[in-house]
Amino acid sequence: MHIAQNWRLKAQRYRLVGEVCEHCGAKIFPPRDICPNCSHSAKESFEFSGRGEVYSFSALSETAEKFQRFRPYTMALVKLEEGPLVTAQLTDVEPDKVKIGMPVEMVTRRLMEEGNEGIILYGYKFRPMLDKVA
């Protein structure tokens, strides 16, 4: 991913900003401008809570070179509280501790380094939900 593309996607990658359909109210992530449910315009921004649960997952031990530093790691489909499914890496959890239905929350973390310049790209990952301290 190039720097300009990463800059354009910063709201989506750092704050989980998607869209909401003005016609049917569907919450959409990633943003698509056209609602996949009803095909109407969906240009109104919507910031997701970042909370959800593991819908499905797979532990990876063989990865592309730029992701070697994270091995082994778990990729998951996370069902957000607002409805959409998001594909993301899980962090702060051992692969054998991941369970379907496990509550998770979005965090911003390092995704990869790009090119010879070593530009670090950040984005969303999910970790197990931390217990709230009263």
C-alpha atoms as a PDB file:
ATOM      1  CA  MET A   1       0.000   0.000   0.000  1.00  0.00           C
ATOM      2  CA  HIS A   2       1.333   3.417  -0.876  1.00  0.00           C
ATOM      3  CA  ILE A   3       1.512   6.357   1.513  1.00  0.00           C
ATOM      4  CA  ALA A   4      -1.214   8.308  -0.319  1.00  0.00           C
ATOM      5  CA  GLN A   5      -3.598   5.343  -0.219  1.00  0.00           C
ATOM      6  CA  ASN A   6      -2.896   4.776   3.467  1.00  0.00           C
ATOM      7  CA  TRP A   7      -3.589   8.481   4.144  1.00  0.00           C
ATOM      8  CA  ARG A   8      -6.958   8.283   2.336  1.00  0.00           C
ATOM      9  CA  LEU A   9      -7.939   5.237   4.421  1.00  0.00           C
ATOM     10  CA  LYS A  10      -6.835   6.621   7.805  1.00  0.00           C
ATOM     11  CA  ALA A  11     -10.366   7.156   9.216  1.00  0.00           C
ATOM     12  CA  GLN A  12     -11.303   3.617   8.219  1.00  0.00           C
ATOM     13  CA  ARG A  13      -8.075   2.077   9.530  1.00  0.00           C
ATOM     14  CA  TYR A  14      -7.674   4.055  12.763  1.00  0.00           C
ATOM     15  CA  ARG A  15     -11.280   4.666  13.875  1.00  0.00           C
ATOM     16  CA  LEU A  16     -13.409   2.097  11.989  1.00  0.00           C
ATOM     17  CA  VAL A  17     -15.329   4.754  10.068  1.00  0.00           C
ATOM     18  CA  GLY A  18     -17.738   3.259   7.575  1.00  0.00           C
ATOM     19  CA  GLU A  19     -21.053   4.425   6.190  1.00  0.00           C
ATOM     20  CA  VAL A  20     -24.737   4.140   6.910  1.00  0.00           C
ATOM     21  CA  CYS A  21     -27.382   3.733   4.209  1.00  0.00           C
ATOM     22  CA  GLU A  22     -29.758   6.694   4.104  1.00  0.00           C
ATOM     23  CA  HIS A  23     -32.516   4.448   2.740  1.00  0.00           C
ATOM     24  CA  CYS A  24     -32.502   1.204   4.782  1.00  0.00           C
ATOM     25  CA  GLY A  25     -30.223   2.166   7.690  1.00  0.00           C
ATOM     26  CA  ALA A  26     -27.674  -0.626   7.084  1.00  0.00           C
ATOM     27  CA  LYS A  27     -24.255  -0.005   8.635  1.00  0.00           C
ATOM     28  CA  ILE A  28     -21.510  -0.658   6.066  1.00  0.00           C
ATOM     29  CA  PHE A  29     -17.823  -1.449   6.544  1.00  0.00           C
ATOM     30  CA  PRO A  30     -15.627  -0.894   4.704  1.00  0.00           C
ATOM     31  CA  PRO A  31     -17.258   2.148   3.061  1.00  0.00           C
ATOM     32  CA  ARG A  32     -18.724   1.416  -0.382  1.00  0.00           C
ATOM     33  CA  ASP A  33     -20.912   4.454  -1.255  1.00  0.00           C
ATOM     34  CA  ILE A  34     -23.636   2.069  -2.496  1.00  0.00           C
ATOM     35  CA  CYS A  35     -25.535  -0.060   0.023  1.00  0.00           C
ATOM     36  CA  PRO A  36     -25.024  -3.797  -0.608  1.00  0.00           C
ATOM     37  CA  ASN A  37     -28.487  -4.451   0.903  1.00  0.00           C
ATOM     38  CA  CYS A  38     -30.679  -2.093  -1.133  1.00  0.00           C
ATOM     39  CA  SER A  39     -28.375  -0.488  -3.761  1.00  0.00           C
ATOM     40  CA  HIS A  40     -29.176   3.069  -2.606  1.00  0.00           C
ATOM     41  CA  SER A  41     -26.652   5.785  -1.782  1.00  0.00           C
ATOM     42  CA  ALA A  42     -24.688   5.309   1.435  1.00  0.00           C
ATOM     43  CA  LYS A  43     -22.498   8.377   1.788  1.00  0.00           C
ATOM     44  CA  GLU A  44     -23.198   9.319   5.415  1.00  0.00           C
ATOM     45  CA  SER A  45     -20.181   8.517   7.623  1.00  0.00           C
ATOM     46  CA  PHE A  46     -20.664   6.216  10.589  1.00  0.00           C
ATOM     47  CA  GLU A  47     -18.080   5.454  13.289  1.00  0.00           C
ATOM     48  CA  PHE A  48     -18.344   1.921  14.621  1.00  0.00           C
ATOM     49  CA  SER A  49     -17.895   1.218  18.336  1.00  0.00           C
ATOM     50  CA  GLY A  50     -14.995  -1.168  17.718  1.00  0.00           C
ATOM     51  CA  ARG A  51     -16.640  -3.832  19.870  1.00  0.00           C
ATOM     52  CA  GLY A  52     -17.732  -7.207  18.609  1.00  0.00           C
ATOM     53  CA  GLU A  53     -17.172 -10.943  18.856  1.00  0.00           C
ATOM     54  CA  VAL A  54     -15.157 -13.577  17.025  1.00  0.00           C
ATOM     55  CA  TYR A  55     -17.403 -15.086  14.354  1.00  0.00           C
ATOM     56  CA  SER A  56     -14.753 -17.395  12.845  1.00  0.00           C
ATOM     57  CA  PHE A  57     -10.957 -17.633  12.948  1.00  0.00           C
ATOM     58  CA  SER A  58      -7.852 -19.382  11.666  1.00  0.00           C
ATOM     59  CA  ALA A  59      -4.377 -19.581  13.226  1.00  0.00           C
ATOM     60  CA  LEU A  60      -1.550 -18.904  10.762  1.00  0.00           C
ATOM     61  CA  SER A  61       2.007 -20.116  11.123  1.00  0.00           C
ATOM     62  CA  GLU A  62       3.152 -19.623   7.517  1.00  0.00           C
ATOM     63  CA  THR A  63       2.837 -16.043   6.320  1.00  0.00           C
ATOM     64  CA  ALA A  64       4.096 -13.560   3.765  1.00  0.00           C
ATOM     65  CA  GLU A  65       7.537 -12.189   4.573  1.00  0.00           C
ATOM     66  CA  LYS A  66       6.248  -8.786   5.722  1.00  0.00           C
ATOM     67  CA  PHE A  67       4.129 -10.491   8.429  1.00  0.00           C
ATOM     68  CA  GLN A  68       6.819 -12.869   9.746  1.00  0.00           C
ATOM     69  CA  ARG A  69       7.342 -10.798  12.891  1.00  0.00           C
ATOM     70  CA  PHE A  70       3.792 -11.601  14.062  1.00  0.00           C
ATOM     71  CA  ARG A  71       3.953 -15.422  13.613  1.00  0.00           C
ATOM     72  CA  PRO A  72       2.065 -17.351  14.738  1.00  0.00           C
ATOM     73  CA  TYR A  73      -1.030 -15.183  14.657  1.00  0.00           C
ATOM     74  CA  THR A  74      -4.758 -15.486  14.275  1.00  0.00           C
ATOM     75  CA  MET A  75      -6.931 -13.976  11.556  1.00  0.00           C
ATOM     76  CA  ALA A  76     -10.589 -13.647  12.419  1.00  0.00           C
ATOM     77  CA  LEU A  77     -13.941 -12.619  11.092  1.00  0.00           C
ATOM     78  CA  VAL A  78     -15.213 -10.240  13.750  1.00  0.00           C
ATOM     79  CA  LYS A  79     -18.936  -9.507  13.891  1.00  0.00           C
ATOM     80  CA  LEU A  80     -19.192  -5.904  15.030  1.00  0.00           C
ATOM     81  CA  GLU A  81     -21.957  -4.922  17.486  1.00  0.00           C
ATOM     82  CA  GLU A  82     -23.503  -2.870  14.683  1.00  0.00           C
ATOM     83  CA  GLY A  83     -23.676  -5.874  12.329  1.00  0.00           C
ATOM     84  CA  PRO A  84     -20.916  -5.980   9.687  1.00  0.00           C
ATOM     85  CA  LEU A  85     -18.276  -8.701   9.558  1.00  0.00           C
ATOM     86  CA  VAL A  86     -14.679  -7.429   9.518  1.00  0.00           C
ATOM     87  CA  THR A  87     -11.590  -9.483   8.677  1.00  0.00           C
ATOM     88  CA  ALA A  88      -8.737  -8.620  11.030  1.00  0.00           C
ATOM     89  CA  GLN A  89      -5.745  -9.976  12.868  1.00  0.00           C
ATOM     90  CA  LEU A  90      -6.234 -10.770  16.550  1.00  0.00           C
ATOM     91  CA  THR A  91      -3.576  -9.485  18.920  1.00  0.00           C
ATOM     92  CA  ASP A  92      -2.704  -9.874  22.608  1.00  0.00           C
ATOM     93  CA  VAL A  93      -4.001 -13.469  22.616  1.00  0.00           C
ATOM     94  CA  GLU A  94      -2.410 -16.849  21.993  1.00  0.00           C
ATOM     95  CA  PRO A  95      -3.988 -18.741  19.060  1.00  0.00           C
ATOM     96  CA  ASP A  96      -5.069 -21.647  21.309  1.00  0.00           C
ATOM     97  CA  LYS A  97      -7.048 -19.237  23.561  1.00  0.00           C
ATOM     98  CA  VAL A  98      -9.276 -17.883  20.758  1.00  0.00           C
ATOM     99  CA  LYS A  99     -12.903 -19.054  20.821  1.00  0.00           C
ATOM    100  CA  ILE A 100     -15.909 -18.372  18.618  1.00  0.00           C
ATOM    101  CA  GLY A 101     -18.118 -15.855  20.423  1.00  0.00           C
ATOM    102  CA  MET A 102     -15.171 -14.348  22.337  1.00  0.00           C
ATOM    103  CA  PRO A 103     -15.798 -10.617  22.958  1.00  0.00           C
ATOM    104  CA  VAL A 104     -13.165  -8.418  21.286  1.00  0.00           C
ATOM    105  CA  GLU A 105     -12.389  -4.730  20.865  1.00  0.00           C
ATOM    106  CA  MET A 106     -10.561  -2.787  18.184  1.00  0.00           C
ATOM    107  CA  VAL A 107      -7.064  -1.464  18.831  1.00  0.00           C
ATOM    108  CA  THR A 108      -4.672   0.415  16.558  1.00  0.00           C
ATOM    109  CA  ARG A 109      -1.439  -1.495  15.996  1.00  0.00           C
ATOM    110  CA  ARG A 110       1.446  -1.889  13.571  1.00  0.00           C
ATOM    111  CA  LEU A 111       0.391  -3.743  10.420  1.00  0.00           C
ATOM    112  CA  MET A 112       3.621  -3.805   8.427  1.00  0.00           C
ATOM    113  CA  GLU A 113       6.620  -1.892   7.146  1.00  0.00           C
ATOM    114  CA  GLU A 114       6.561  -0.817   3.537  1.00  0.00           C
ATOM    115  CA  GLY A 115       9.406  -0.614   1.066  1.00  0.00           C
ATOM    116  CA  ASN A 116      13.082   0.126   1.538  1.00  0.00           C
ATOM    117  CA  GLU A 117      12.250   3.299   3.467  1.00  0.00           C
ATOM    118  CA  GLY A 118      10.784   1.195   6.291  1.00  0.00           C
ATOM    119  CA  ILE A 119       7.584   3.256   6.507  1.00  0.00           C
ATOM    120  CA  ILE A 120       5.482   1.772   9.296  1.00  0.00           C
ATOM    121  CA  LEU A 121       1.787   1.328   8.511  1.00  0.00           C
ATOM    122  CA  TYR A 122      -0.733   1.146  11.335  1.00  0.00           C
ATOM    123  CA  GLY A 123      -4.316   0.006  11.313  1.00  0.00           C
ATOM    124  CA  TYR A 124      -6.952  -1.904  13.234  1.00  0.00           C
ATOM    125  CA  LYS A 125      -6.561  -5.254  14.919  1.00  0.00           C
ATOM    126  CA  PHE A 126      -8.774  -6.785  17.591  1.00  0.00           C
ATOM    127  CA  ARG A 127      -7.877  -8.019  21.075  1.00  0.00           C
ATOM    128  CA  PRO A 128      -9.902  -9.801  23.733  1.00  0.00           C
ATOM    129  CA  MET A 129     -12.212  -7.365  25.503  1.00  0.00           C
ATOM    130  CA  LEU A 130     -10.576  -6.043  28.642  1.00  0.00           C
ATOM    131  CA  ASP A 131     -12.647  -6.256  31.803  1.00  0.00           C
ATOM    132  CA  LYS A 132     -13.830  -2.844  32.876  1.00  0.00           C
ATOM    133  CA  VAL A 133     -12.192  -1.691  36.077  1.00  0.00           C
ATOM    134  CA  ALA A 134     -14.626   0.051  38.390  1.00  0.00           C
END
